[in-house]
Amino acid sequence: MLTLYFAPGACSMAPHIALEEVGATFEPKGLSLRKGQHREPRYLAVNPRGKVPALLVDGDLLTENVAIFSYLDAAFPQAGLLPQEPLARAQALSWLAWLTSGVHPAFSPLFGPQRYVDGAEAQASLVAKSRTAVTEKLAEIDRLLAGRDYALGTFSAVDCYLYPFFHWAKAMLGFDVSPYANYAAHHARMQARPSVQRMLAREAAVQAELDKAA
């Protein structure tokens, strides 16, 4: 039994896509970060870290995207979420580690600078520096995707994780993404995948229900 706790539009989009890709049967449970539902006792009883995603596997908690991808690859090997050849697998894990430790943190202050520093001036400075950092990450990803349909050549969990960052930059944070043609093409390719379409439809429905309950 799999249960995915996610927030529409958050980085939990990545394992949400992966679950659809492997054909897993799972129970989706949506949370509103804006309403602070990830900090409510009910959710903290599931995941004391108060973050998404969280995947319950027969009641056992699994957090962090890299770990969730690794589990899904082992549980559904036929889906090929990660390469099996040792070097290719290590390269995939290198990508995922960088997206987790390098790319994702560059975005984080843009969704709430007040969580990092106090005062309007300090927050404005942090946002400016973060936007510069994000621009650099987008450019690097664009270079790495040159001549490739997918990050590793063929579809993998890496592409699931690349999806939210472009979505954030374009749809949520107002970045000019026109310089990143390779990344834009990758995003469009992902948008066309049935797994992504199902994820987006579910997240839109969940968001509508969360808004209705406001």
N, C-alpha and C. Protein backbone atom coordinates (compact mmCIF):
# COMPACT_ATOMS: atom_id res chain seq x y z
N MET A 1 0.84 -1.19 0.00
CA MET A 1 0.00 0.00 0.00
C MET A 1 0.88 1.24 0.00
N LEU A 2 0.69 2.11 -0.98
CA LEU A 2 1.47 3.33 -1.10
C LEU A 2 0.55 4.54 -0.90
N THR A 3 1.02 5.49 -0.12
CA THR A 3 0.29 6.74 0.09
C THR A 3 1.26 7.89 -0.12
N LEU A 4 0.92 8.79 -1.06
CA LEU A 4 1.77 9.94 -1.34
C LEU A 4 1.15 11.20 -0.75
N TYR A 5 1.89 11.83 0.14
CA TYR A 5 1.51 13.15 0.64
C TYR A 5 2.24 14.18 -0.21
N PHE A 6 1.50 15.11 -0.79
CA PHE A 6 2.08 16.08 -1.70
C PHE A 6 1.38 17.42 -1.54
N ALA A 7 2.01 18.46 -2.07
CA ALA A 7 1.40 19.78 -2.15
C ALA A 7 1.41 20.18 -3.62
N PRO A 8 0.26 20.57 -4.16
CA PRO A 8 0.21 20.96 -5.58
C PRO A 8 1.25 22.03 -5.89
N GLY A 9 2.03 21.78 -6.93
CA GLY A 9 3.04 22.73 -7.37
C GLY A 9 4.37 22.64 -6.66
N ALA A 10 4.47 21.82 -5.62
CA ALA A 10 5.72 21.71 -4.87
C ALA A 10 6.66 20.69 -5.52
N CYS A 11 7.81 20.48 -4.92
CA CYS A 11 8.77 19.52 -5.48
C CYS A 11 8.23 18.09 -5.44
N SER A 12 7.15 17.88 -4.71
CA SER A 12 6.50 16.56 -4.69
C SER A 12 5.91 16.20 -6.05
N MET A 13 5.87 17.16 -6.97
CA MET A 13 5.48 16.82 -8.34
C MET A 13 6.39 15.74 -8.91
N ALA A 14 7.66 15.76 -8.52
CA ALA A 14 8.64 14.82 -9.08
C ALA A 14 8.30 13.36 -8.76
N PRO A 15 8.13 12.98 -7.48
CA PRO A 15 7.74 11.59 -7.21
C PRO A 15 6.32 11.28 -7.65
N HIS A 16 5.47 12.32 -7.71
CA HIS A 16 4.11 12.13 -8.21
C HIS A 16 4.16 11.64 -9.66
N ILE A 17 5.02 12.29 -10.46
CA ILE A 17 5.22 11.84 -11.85
C ILE A 17 5.77 10.42 -11.87
N ALA A 18 6.77 10.16 -11.02
CA ALA A 18 7.41 8.84 -11.01
C ALA A 18 6.42 7.74 -10.66
N LEU A 19 5.55 7.98 -9.70
CA LEU A 19 4.54 6.98 -9.35
C LEU A 19 3.64 6.68 -10.54
N GLU A 20 3.29 7.71 -11.29
CA GLU A 20 2.48 7.50 -12.49
C GLU A 20 3.27 6.74 -13.55
N GLU A 21 4.54 7.06 -13.67
CA GLU A 21 5.39 6.40 -14.69
C GLU A 21 5.51 4.91 -14.44
N VAL A 22 5.67 4.51 -13.18
CA VAL A 22 5.87 3.08 -12.89
C VAL A 22 4.55 2.32 -12.84
N GLY A 23 3.43 3.04 -12.92
CA GLY A 23 2.13 2.38 -12.90
C GLY A 23 1.71 1.92 -11.52
N ALA A 24 2.21 2.58 -10.48
CA ALA A 24 1.88 2.17 -9.12
C ALA A 24 0.45 2.58 -8.75
N THR A 25 -0.16 1.74 -7.96
CA THR A 25 -1.44 2.10 -7.35
C THR A 25 -1.12 2.79 -6.03
N PHE A 26 -1.61 4.02 -5.86
CA PHE A 26 -1.29 4.76 -4.65
C PHE A 26 -2.45 5.66 -4.26
N GLU A 27 -2.47 6.00 -2.97
CA GLU A 27 -3.48 6.92 -2.46
C GLU A 27 -2.87 8.31 -2.39
N PRO A 28 -3.41 9.27 -3.13
CA PRO A 28 -2.88 10.63 -3.08
C PRO A 28 -3.53 11.44 -1.97
N LYS A 29 -2.72 12.15 -1.22
CA LYS A 29 -3.23 13.01 -0.15
C LYS A 29 -2.59 14.39 -0.30
N GLY A 30 -3.40 15.36 -0.69
CA GLY A 30 -2.89 16.70 -0.94
C GLY A 30 -2.92 17.59 0.29
N LEU A 31 -1.91 18.44 0.39
CA LEU A 31 -1.80 19.41 1.49
C LEU A 31 -1.64 20.81 0.91
N SER A 32 -2.08 21.80 1.66
CA SER A 32 -1.86 23.19 1.28
C SER A 32 -0.71 23.76 2.09
N LEU A 33 0.38 24.09 1.41
CA LEU A 33 1.49 24.74 2.10
C LEU A 33 1.11 26.15 2.51
N ARG A 34 0.31 26.81 1.68
CA ARG A 34 -0.11 28.18 1.98
C ARG A 34 -0.90 28.25 3.28
N LYS A 35 -1.70 27.24 3.53
CA LYS A 35 -2.49 27.19 4.76
C LYS A 35 -1.72 26.59 5.93
N GLY A 36 -0.50 26.14 5.65
CA GLY A 36 0.31 25.58 6.73
C GLY A 36 -0.09 24.19 7.16
N GLN A 37 -0.76 23.46 6.27
CA GLN A 37 -1.22 22.12 6.65
C GLN A 37 -0.07 21.15 6.89
N HIS A 38 1.10 21.47 6.33
CA HIS A 38 2.27 20.61 6.55
C HIS A 38 2.83 20.78 7.96
N ARG A 39 2.37 21.79 8.68
CA ARG A 39 2.82 22.03 10.05
C ARG A 39 1.76 21.65 11.09
N GLU A 40 0.65 21.15 10.64
CA GLU A 40 -0.40 20.77 11.57
C GLU A 40 -0.09 19.42 12.22
N PRO A 41 -0.53 19.22 13.45
CA PRO A 41 -0.23 17.97 14.17
C PRO A 41 -0.61 16.71 13.39
N ARG A 42 -1.70 16.80 12.65
CA ARG A 42 -2.15 15.63 11.89
C ARG A 42 -1.09 15.16 10.89
N TYR A 43 -0.46 16.13 10.21
CA TYR A 43 0.57 15.75 9.25
C TYR A 43 1.91 15.46 9.93
N LEU A 44 2.22 16.22 10.97
CA LEU A 44 3.48 15.97 11.68
C LEU A 44 3.51 14.58 12.30
N ALA A 45 2.33 14.02 12.57
CA ALA A 45 2.27 12.65 13.07
C ALA A 45 2.69 11.66 11.98
N VAL A 46 2.54 12.08 10.72
CA VAL A 46 2.98 11.25 9.58
C VAL A 46 4.45 11.51 9.29
N ASN A 47 4.79 12.78 9.14
CA ASN A 47 6.16 13.17 8.82
C ASN A 47 6.59 14.30 9.77
N PRO A 48 7.31 13.98 10.82
CA PRO A 48 7.71 14.99 11.81
C PRO A 48 8.54 16.13 11.24
N ARG A 49 9.12 15.95 10.05
CA ARG A 49 9.89 17.04 9.44
C ARG A 49 8.98 18.11 8.85
N GLY A 50 7.71 17.79 8.68
CA GLY A 50 6.77 18.78 8.18
C GLY A 50 7.04 19.23 6.76
N LYS A 51 7.48 18.31 5.93
CA LYS A 51 7.76 18.65 4.53
C LYS A 51 7.09 17.64 3.61
N VAL A 52 6.98 18.02 2.35
CA VAL A 52 6.55 17.10 1.31
C VAL A 52 7.70 16.96 0.32
N PRO A 53 7.77 15.82 -0.35
CA PRO A 53 6.84 14.70 -0.29
C PRO A 53 7.11 13.78 0.89
N ALA A 54 6.08 12.98 1.18
CA ALA A 54 6.24 11.84 2.09
C ALA A 54 5.52 10.67 1.45
N LEU A 55 6.18 9.54 1.40
CA LEU A 55 5.59 8.34 0.83
C LEU A 55 5.50 7.29 1.93
N LEU A 56 4.30 6.85 2.21
CA LEU A 56 4.12 5.75 3.14
C LEU A 56 4.10 4.44 2.35
N VAL A 57 4.96 3.52 2.75
CA VAL A 57 5.04 2.21 2.10
C VAL A 57 4.60 1.18 3.14
N ASP A 58 3.38 0.70 2.99
CA ASP A 58 2.79 -0.20 4.00
C ASP A 58 2.92 0.40 5.39
N GLY A 59 2.71 1.72 5.49
CA GLY A 59 2.75 2.40 6.78
C GLY A 59 4.10 2.91 7.20
N ASP A 60 5.18 2.50 6.50
CA ASP A 60 6.52 2.97 6.83
C ASP A 60 6.82 4.26 6.06
N LEU A 61 7.40 5.24 6.74
CA LEU A 61 7.65 6.54 6.15
C LEU A 61 8.92 6.57 5.31
N LEU A 62 8.80 7.16 4.13
CA LEU A 62 9.95 7.39 3.27
C LEU A 62 9.90 8.84 2.82
N THR A 63 10.97 9.59 3.07
CA THR A 63 11.05 10.99 2.66
C THR A 63 12.27 11.19 1.76
N GLU A 64 12.35 12.37 1.17
CA GLU A 64 13.43 12.81 0.28
C GLU A 64 13.27 12.17 -1.10
N ASN A 65 13.29 13.02 -2.11
CA ASN A 65 13.03 12.56 -3.47
C ASN A 65 13.99 11.47 -3.94
N VAL A 66 15.27 11.62 -3.64
CA VAL A 66 16.24 10.63 -4.11
C VAL A 66 15.92 9.25 -3.54
N ALA A 67 15.56 9.20 -2.25
CA ALA A 67 15.22 7.92 -1.63
C ALA A 67 13.94 7.34 -2.22
N ILE A 68 12.96 8.21 -2.48
CA ILE A 68 11.70 7.73 -3.06
C ILE A 68 11.93 7.19 -4.47
N PHE A 69 12.73 7.88 -5.25
CA PHE A 69 13.06 7.37 -6.59
C PHE A 69 13.77 6.01 -6.49
N SER A 70 14.71 5.90 -5.57
CA SER A 70 15.45 4.64 -5.42
C SER A 70 14.51 3.50 -5.05
N TYR A 71 13.58 3.78 -4.14
CA TYR A 71 12.62 2.75 -3.76
C TYR A 71 11.75 2.35 -4.95
N LEU A 72 11.22 3.32 -5.66
CA LEU A 72 10.33 3.00 -6.79
C LEU A 72 11.08 2.23 -7.88
N ASP A 73 12.35 2.57 -8.07
CA ASP A 73 13.14 1.84 -9.07
C ASP A 73 13.31 0.39 -8.66
N ALA A 74 13.55 0.15 -7.37
CA ALA A 74 13.73 -1.22 -6.89
C ALA A 74 12.41 -1.99 -6.88
N ALA A 75 11.32 -1.30 -6.54
CA ALA A 75 10.02 -1.97 -6.44
C ALA A 75 9.38 -2.21 -7.80
N PHE A 76 9.72 -1.35 -8.78
CA PHE A 76 9.15 -1.46 -10.12
C PHE A 76 10.27 -1.42 -11.16
N PRO A 77 11.15 -2.44 -11.14
CA PRO A 77 12.34 -2.40 -12.00
C PRO A 77 12.03 -2.35 -13.49
N GLN A 78 10.86 -2.87 -13.86
CA GLN A 78 10.51 -2.89 -15.27
C GLN A 78 10.32 -1.48 -15.84
N ALA A 79 10.08 -0.49 -14.97
CA ALA A 79 9.83 0.87 -15.43
C ALA A 79 11.12 1.59 -15.83
N GLY A 80 12.25 1.14 -15.33
CA GLY A 80 13.54 1.75 -15.70
C GLY A 80 13.71 3.18 -15.23
N LEU A 81 13.27 3.48 -14.03
CA LEU A 81 13.43 4.85 -13.52
C LEU A 81 14.90 5.24 -13.37
N LEU A 82 15.75 4.27 -13.04
CA LEU A 82 17.19 4.51 -12.94
C LEU A 82 17.93 3.47 -13.76
N PRO A 83 19.05 3.84 -14.37
CA PRO A 83 19.82 2.86 -15.15
C PRO A 83 20.36 1.75 -14.24
N GLN A 84 20.58 0.59 -14.81
CA GLN A 84 21.13 -0.52 -14.05
C GLN A 84 22.64 -0.65 -14.22
N GLU A 85 23.18 -0.19 -15.34
CA GLU A 85 24.63 -0.24 -15.56
C GLU A 85 25.30 0.66 -14.51
N PRO A 86 26.34 0.18 -13.83
CA PRO A 86 26.88 0.90 -12.68
C PRO A 86 27.25 2.36 -12.92
N LEU A 87 27.99 2.64 -14.00
CA LEU A 87 28.41 4.02 -14.23
C LEU A 87 27.21 4.90 -14.56
N ALA A 88 26.33 4.42 -15.41
CA ALA A 88 25.15 5.20 -15.78
C ALA A 88 24.27 5.47 -14.55
N ARG A 89 24.17 4.46 -13.68
CA ARG A 89 23.38 4.65 -12.46
C ARG A 89 24.02 5.71 -11.56
N ALA A 90 25.35 5.66 -11.44
CA ALA A 90 26.05 6.65 -10.63
C ALA A 90 25.87 8.05 -11.20
N GLN A 91 25.88 8.17 -12.52
CA GLN A 91 25.67 9.47 -13.16
C GLN A 91 24.26 9.98 -12.88
N ALA A 92 23.28 9.07 -12.89
CA ALA A 92 21.91 9.47 -12.54
C ALA A 92 21.83 9.97 -11.11
N LEU A 93 22.49 9.25 -10.20
CA LEU A 93 22.48 9.66 -8.80
C LEU A 93 23.23 10.98 -8.60
N SER A 94 24.25 11.22 -9.41
CA SER A 94 24.97 12.48 -9.36
C SER A 94 24.04 13.64 -9.75
N TRP A 95 23.29 13.44 -10.81
CA TRP A 95 22.29 14.42 -11.22
C TRP A 95 21.31 14.70 -10.07
N LEU A 96 20.74 13.63 -9.51
CA LEU A 96 19.72 13.78 -8.47
C LEU A 96 20.28 14.46 -7.23
N ALA A 97 21.51 14.12 -6.87
CA ALA A 97 22.13 14.75 -5.70
C ALA A 97 22.32 16.24 -5.93
N TRP A 98 22.73 16.60 -7.13
CA TRP A 98 22.94 18.02 -7.46
C TRP A 98 21.61 18.77 -7.48
N LEU A 99 20.58 18.18 -8.04
CA LEU A 99 19.27 18.83 -8.06
C LEU A 99 18.77 19.05 -6.63
N THR A 100 19.05 18.09 -5.75
CA THR A 100 18.61 18.20 -4.36
C THR A 100 19.42 19.23 -3.59
N SER A 101 20.74 19.18 -3.72
CA SER A 101 21.60 20.00 -2.86
C SER A 101 22.02 21.32 -3.49
N GLY A 102 21.92 21.42 -4.81
CA GLY A 102 22.38 22.63 -5.49
C GLY A 102 21.28 23.46 -6.11
N VAL A 103 20.40 22.80 -6.85
CA VAL A 103 19.37 23.54 -7.59
C VAL A 103 18.19 23.91 -6.69
N HIS A 104 17.66 22.93 -5.99
CA HIS A 104 16.48 23.17 -5.16
C HIS A 104 16.72 24.29 -4.13
N PRO A 105 17.85 24.28 -3.40
CA PRO A 105 18.07 25.35 -2.41
C PRO A 105 18.17 26.75 -3.02
N ALA A 106 18.56 26.83 -4.30
CA ALA A 106 18.63 28.14 -4.94
C ALA A 106 17.25 28.76 -5.06
N PHE A 107 16.24 27.93 -5.26
CA PHE A 107 14.86 28.42 -5.40
C PHE A 107 14.21 28.75 -4.06
N SER A 108 14.58 28.02 -3.03
CA SER A 108 13.81 28.05 -1.79
C SER A 108 13.55 29.44 -1.22
N PRO A 109 14.55 30.35 -1.15
CA PRO A 109 14.28 31.66 -0.59
C PRO A 109 13.24 32.47 -1.35
N LEU A 110 13.05 32.16 -2.62
CA LEU A 110 12.08 32.92 -3.43
C LEU A 110 10.65 32.64 -3.02
N PHE A 111 10.43 31.54 -2.32
CA PHE A 111 9.08 31.19 -1.87
C PHE A 111 8.82 31.65 -0.43
N GLY A 112 9.76 32.35 0.16
CA GLY A 112 9.55 32.82 1.53
C GLY A 112 10.83 33.31 2.14
N PRO A 113 11.34 34.47 1.68
CA PRO A 113 12.61 34.97 2.22
C PRO A 113 12.55 35.24 3.72
N GLN A 114 11.34 35.48 4.24
CA GLN A 114 11.20 35.75 5.67
C GLN A 114 11.56 34.54 6.52
N ARG A 115 11.62 33.37 5.90
CA ARG A 115 12.02 32.18 6.65
C ARG A 115 13.53 32.12 6.86
N TYR A 116 14.25 32.98 6.15
CA TYR A 116 15.71 32.94 6.18
C TYR A 116 16.33 34.16 6.86
N VAL A 117 15.75 35.33 6.61
CA VAL A 117 16.30 36.56 7.18
C VAL A 117 15.16 37.48 7.61
N ASP A 118 15.46 38.36 8.55
CA ASP A 118 14.48 39.35 9.01
C ASP A 118 14.71 40.69 8.34
N GLY A 119 13.63 41.46 8.19
CA GLY A 119 13.76 42.82 7.67
C GLY A 119 13.57 42.89 6.17
N ALA A 120 12.85 43.91 5.72
CA ALA A 120 12.51 44.04 4.30
C ALA A 120 13.75 44.17 3.42
N GLU A 121 14.73 44.95 3.89
CA GLU A 121 15.94 45.17 3.08
C GLU A 121 16.73 43.89 2.92
N ALA A 122 16.90 43.15 4.00
CA ALA A 122 17.64 41.89 3.93
C ALA A 122 16.90 40.88 3.06
N GLN A 123 15.59 40.86 3.15
CA GLN A 123 14.81 39.92 2.35
C GLN A 123 14.89 40.27 0.87
N ALA A 124 14.85 41.56 0.55
CA ALA A 124 14.97 41.97 -0.86
C ALA A 124 16.33 41.60 -1.42
N SER A 125 17.37 41.76 -0.60
CA SER A 125 18.72 41.39 -1.04
C SER A 125 18.83 39.90 -1.26
N LEU A 126 18.22 39.11 -0.36
CA LEU A 126 18.26 37.65 -0.51
C LEU A 126 17.53 37.22 -1.77
N VAL A 127 16.38 37.82 -2.03
CA VAL A 127 15.62 37.47 -3.24
C VAL A 127 16.44 37.78 -4.49
N ALA A 128 17.10 38.94 -4.51
CA ALA A 128 17.91 39.30 -5.67
C ALA A 128 19.05 38.30 -5.89
N LYS A 129 19.72 37.91 -4.81
CA LYS A 129 20.81 36.95 -4.93
C LYS A 129 20.29 35.58 -5.35
N SER A 130 19.13 35.22 -4.83
CA SER A 130 18.55 33.92 -5.18
C SER A 130 18.14 33.88 -6.65
N ARG A 131 17.60 34.98 -7.14
CA ARG A 131 17.22 35.01 -8.56
C ARG A 131 18.45 34.88 -9.45
N THR A 132 19.55 35.49 -9.04
CA THR A 132 20.80 35.33 -9.79
C THR A 132 21.26 33.88 -9.76
N ALA A 133 21.18 33.26 -8.59
CA ALA A 133 21.59 31.86 -8.46
C ALA A 133 20.71 30.95 -9.31
N VAL A 134 19.41 31.20 -9.31
CA VAL A 134 18.50 30.38 -10.11
C VAL A 134 18.80 30.55 -11.59
N THR A 135 19.06 31.77 -12.02
CA THR A 135 19.41 32.00 -13.43
C THR A 135 20.63 31.19 -13.82
N GLU A 136 21.62 31.13 -12.94
CA GLU A 136 22.82 30.34 -13.21
C GLU A 136 22.50 28.85 -13.30
N LYS A 137 21.63 28.36 -12.42
CA LYS A 137 21.27 26.94 -12.44
C LYS A 137 20.49 26.60 -13.71
N LEU A 138 19.56 27.47 -14.10
CA LEU A 138 18.79 27.23 -15.32
C LEU A 138 19.72 27.16 -16.53
N ALA A 139 20.70 28.05 -16.57
CA ALA A 139 21.64 28.06 -17.68
C ALA A 139 22.48 26.79 -17.70
N GLU A 140 22.89 26.33 -16.53
CA GLU A 140 23.70 25.11 -16.47
C GLU A 140 22.88 23.90 -16.91
N ILE A 141 21.64 23.80 -16.44
CA ILE A 141 20.78 22.69 -16.87
C ILE A 141 20.57 22.74 -18.36
N ASP A 142 20.36 23.94 -18.89
CA ASP A 142 20.15 24.09 -20.34
C ASP A 142 21.35 23.57 -21.11
N ARG A 143 22.56 23.87 -20.63
CA ARG A 143 23.77 23.37 -21.30
C ARG A 143 23.84 21.85 -21.23
N LEU A 144 23.51 21.29 -20.08
CA LEU A 144 23.59 19.84 -19.90
C LEU A 144 22.56 19.10 -20.76
N LEU A 145 21.47 19.77 -21.10
CA LEU A 145 20.43 19.12 -21.91
C LEU A 145 20.66 19.28 -23.41
N ALA A 146 21.67 20.02 -23.79
CA ALA A 146 21.92 20.25 -25.22
C ALA A 146 22.09 18.93 -25.97
N GLY A 147 21.35 18.75 -27.04
CA GLY A 147 21.45 17.56 -27.87
C GLY A 147 20.81 16.32 -27.28
N ARG A 148 20.04 16.48 -26.20
CA ARG A 148 19.42 15.34 -25.53
C ARG A 148 17.91 15.55 -25.40
N ASP A 149 17.18 14.50 -25.63
CA ASP A 149 15.74 14.56 -25.37
C ASP A 149 15.49 14.55 -23.86
N TYR A 150 16.30 13.75 -23.15
CA TYR A 150 16.17 13.63 -21.71
C TYR A 150 17.56 13.73 -21.08
N ALA A 151 17.60 13.93 -19.79
CA ALA A 151 18.88 14.22 -19.12
C ALA A 151 19.92 13.14 -19.34
N LEU A 152 19.49 11.88 -19.30
CA LEU A 152 20.43 10.77 -19.48
C LEU A 152 20.38 10.21 -20.90
N GLY A 153 19.68 10.88 -21.77
CA GLY A 153 19.48 10.38 -23.14
C GLY A 153 18.12 9.75 -23.31
N THR A 154 17.78 8.86 -22.37
CA THR A 154 16.45 8.28 -22.32
C THR A 154 15.79 8.68 -21.00
N PHE A 155 14.48 8.56 -20.94
CA PHE A 155 13.74 9.01 -19.77
C PHE A 155 14.20 8.31 -18.49
N SER A 156 14.26 9.09 -17.40
CA SER A 156 14.63 8.54 -16.09
C SER A 156 14.03 9.41 -14.99
N ALA A 157 14.30 9.01 -13.75
CA ALA A 157 13.85 9.79 -12.60
C ALA A 157 14.41 11.20 -12.61
N VAL A 158 15.57 11.39 -13.22
CA VAL A 158 16.16 12.72 -13.30
C VAL A 158 15.19 13.70 -13.96
N ASP A 159 14.52 13.24 -15.01
CA ASP A 159 13.60 14.10 -15.73
C ASP A 159 12.39 14.46 -14.88
N CYS A 160 11.97 13.53 -14.03
CA CYS A 160 10.87 13.83 -13.10
C CYS A 160 11.25 14.99 -12.20
N TYR A 161 12.50 15.00 -11.75
CA TYR A 161 12.96 16.03 -10.82
C TYR A 161 13.24 17.35 -11.53
N LEU A 162 13.62 17.29 -12.80
CA LEU A 162 13.85 18.52 -13.56
C LEU A 162 12.55 19.27 -13.81
N TYR A 163 11.45 18.55 -13.85
CA TYR A 163 10.18 19.16 -14.22
C TYR A 163 9.78 20.32 -13.31
N PRO A 164 9.75 20.15 -11.98
CA PRO A 164 9.26 21.24 -11.13
C PRO A 164 10.05 22.53 -11.24
N PHE A 165 11.35 22.46 -11.45
CA PHE A 165 12.17 23.67 -11.44
C PHE A 165 11.82 24.60 -12.61
N PHE A 166 11.65 24.02 -13.79
CA PHE A 166 11.26 24.86 -14.92
C PHE A 166 9.85 25.41 -14.70
N HIS A 167 8.97 24.57 -14.16
CA HIS A 167 7.61 25.00 -13.86
C HIS A 167 7.62 26.18 -12.89
N TRP A 168 8.42 26.08 -11.85
CA TRP A 168 8.51 27.19 -10.89
C TRP A 168 9.00 28.46 -11.57
N ALA A 169 10.09 28.32 -12.34
CA ALA A 169 10.70 29.49 -12.96
C ALA A 169 9.72 30.19 -13.90
N LYS A 170 9.04 29.40 -14.71
CA LYS A 170 8.17 29.98 -15.74
C LYS A 170 6.80 30.39 -15.19
N ALA A 171 6.16 29.48 -14.48
CA ALA A 171 4.75 29.68 -14.12
C ALA A 171 4.54 30.36 -12.78
N MET A 172 5.52 30.30 -11.89
CA MET A 172 5.29 30.78 -10.54
C MET A 172 6.17 31.96 -10.15
N LEU A 173 7.35 32.07 -10.76
CA LEU A 173 8.31 33.08 -10.30
C LEU A 173 8.65 34.13 -11.35
N GLY A 174 8.05 34.03 -12.52
CA GLY A 174 8.19 35.07 -13.53
C GLY A 174 9.56 35.23 -14.15
N PHE A 175 10.33 34.16 -14.23
CA PHE A 175 11.62 34.23 -14.91
C PHE A 175 11.43 34.27 -16.43
N ASP A 176 12.33 34.96 -17.09
CA ASP A 176 12.38 34.91 -18.54
C ASP A 176 13.08 33.61 -18.93
N VAL A 177 12.35 32.65 -19.43
CA VAL A 177 12.94 31.35 -19.75
C VAL A 177 13.31 31.23 -21.22
N SER A 178 13.16 32.33 -21.97
CA SER A 178 13.47 32.27 -23.40
C SER A 178 14.92 31.91 -23.71
N PRO A 179 15.90 32.23 -22.84
CA PRO A 179 17.28 31.84 -23.17
C PRO A 179 17.54 30.34 -23.04
N TYR A 180 16.58 29.59 -22.51
CA TYR A 180 16.84 28.19 -22.17
C TYR A 180 16.04 27.26 -23.09
N ALA A 181 16.40 27.28 -24.35
CA ALA A 181 15.64 26.53 -25.36
C ALA A 181 15.68 25.03 -25.12
N ASN A 182 16.83 24.52 -24.68
CA ASN A 182 16.93 23.08 -24.45
C ASN A 182 16.06 22.65 -23.27
N TYR A 183 16.09 23.44 -22.22
CA TYR A 183 15.29 23.13 -21.04
C TYR A 183 13.79 23.29 -21.37
N ALA A 184 13.46 24.31 -22.15
CA ALA A 184 12.07 24.52 -22.55
C ALA A 184 11.56 23.35 -23.38
N ALA A 185 12.40 22.84 -24.27
CA ALA A 185 12.01 21.69 -25.09
C ALA A 185 11.84 20.45 -24.22
N HIS A 186 12.71 20.30 -23.24
CA HIS A 186 12.59 19.18 -22.30
C HIS A 186 11.28 19.28 -21.54
N HIS A 187 10.95 20.49 -21.08
CA HIS A 187 9.72 20.69 -20.32
C HIS A 187 8.49 20.37 -21.18
N ALA A 188 8.52 20.80 -22.42
CA ALA A 188 7.40 20.51 -23.33
C ALA A 188 7.28 19.01 -23.58
N ARG A 189 8.43 18.35 -23.69
CA ARG A 189 8.44 16.90 -23.89
C ARG A 189 7.83 16.20 -22.66
N MET A 190 8.17 16.69 -21.49
CA MET A 190 7.60 16.13 -20.26
C MET A 190 6.11 16.41 -20.19
N GLN A 191 5.70 17.61 -20.55
CA GLN A 191 4.29 17.97 -20.50
C GLN A 191 3.44 17.03 -21.33
N ALA A 192 4.03 16.48 -22.40
CA ALA A 192 3.29 15.61 -23.31
C ALA A 192 3.18 14.18 -22.78
N ARG A 193 3.94 13.83 -21.76
CA ARG A 193 3.88 12.47 -21.25
C ARG A 193 2.57 12.25 -20.48
N PRO A 194 1.92 11.12 -20.69
CA PRO A 194 0.67 10.84 -19.98
C PRO A 194 0.81 10.91 -18.46
N SER A 195 1.97 10.50 -17.94
CA SER A 195 2.18 10.53 -16.50
C SER A 195 2.10 11.96 -15.96
N VAL A 196 2.69 12.89 -16.70
CA VAL A 196 2.67 14.29 -16.27
C VAL A 196 1.27 14.87 -16.40
N GLN A 197 0.58 14.51 -17.46
CA GLN A 197 -0.78 14.99 -17.64
C GLN A 197 -1.69 14.50 -16.52
N ARG A 198 -1.51 13.25 -16.10
CA ARG A 198 -2.32 12.73 -14.99
C ARG A 198 -1.96 13.43 -13.68
N MET A 199 -0.66 13.67 -13.47
CA MET A 199 -0.23 14.38 -12.27
C MET A 199 -0.84 15.77 -12.23
N LEU A 200 -0.76 16.50 -13.34
CA LEU A 200 -1.27 17.86 -13.38
C LEU A 200 -2.78 17.90 -13.15
N ALA A 201 -3.49 16.96 -13.75
CA ALA A 201 -4.95 16.91 -13.57
C ALA A 201 -5.30 16.65 -12.12
N ARG A 202 -4.59 15.72 -11.48
CA ARG A 202 -4.87 15.41 -10.08
C ARG A 202 -4.53 16.60 -9.19
N GLU A 203 -3.40 17.23 -9.44
CA GLU A 203 -3.01 18.36 -8.60
C GLU A 203 -3.97 19.54 -8.78
N ALA A 204 -4.45 19.74 -9.99
CA ALA A 204 -5.43 20.81 -10.21
C ALA A 204 -6.72 20.53 -9.46
N ALA A 205 -7.17 19.27 -9.48
CA ALA A 205 -8.39 18.90 -8.77
C ALA A 205 -8.22 19.06 -7.26
N VAL A 206 -7.06 18.64 -6.75
CA VAL A 206 -6.78 18.77 -5.32
C VAL A 206 -6.71 20.24 -4.92
N GLN A 207 -6.05 21.06 -5.76
CA GLN A 207 -5.95 22.48 -5.46
C GLN A 207 -7.32 23.14 -5.42
N ALA A 208 -8.19 22.72 -6.32
CA ALA A 208 -9.55 23.26 -6.34
C ALA A 208 -10.29 22.91 -5.04
N GLU A 209 -10.09 21.70 -4.56
CA GLU A 209 -10.73 21.29 -3.31
C GLU A 209 -10.15 22.04 -2.12
N LEU A 210 -8.83 22.24 -2.13
CA LEU A 210 -8.20 22.98 -1.05
C LEU A 210 -8.68 24.43 -1.02
N ASP A 211 -8.82 25.02 -2.20
CA ASP A 211 -9.30 26.40 -2.29
C ASP A 211 -10.74 26.51 -1.81
N LYS A 212 -11.53 25.50 -2.15
CA LYS A 212 -12.95 25.49 -1.78
C LYS A 212 -13.11 25.42 -0.27
N ALA A 213 -12.14 24.78 0.38
CA ALA A 213 -12.21 24.63 1.83
C ALA A 213 -11.66 25.82 2.59
N ALA A 214 -11.25 26.87 1.84
CA ALA A 214 -10.64 28.04 2.49
C ALA A 214 -11.62 28.74 3.42
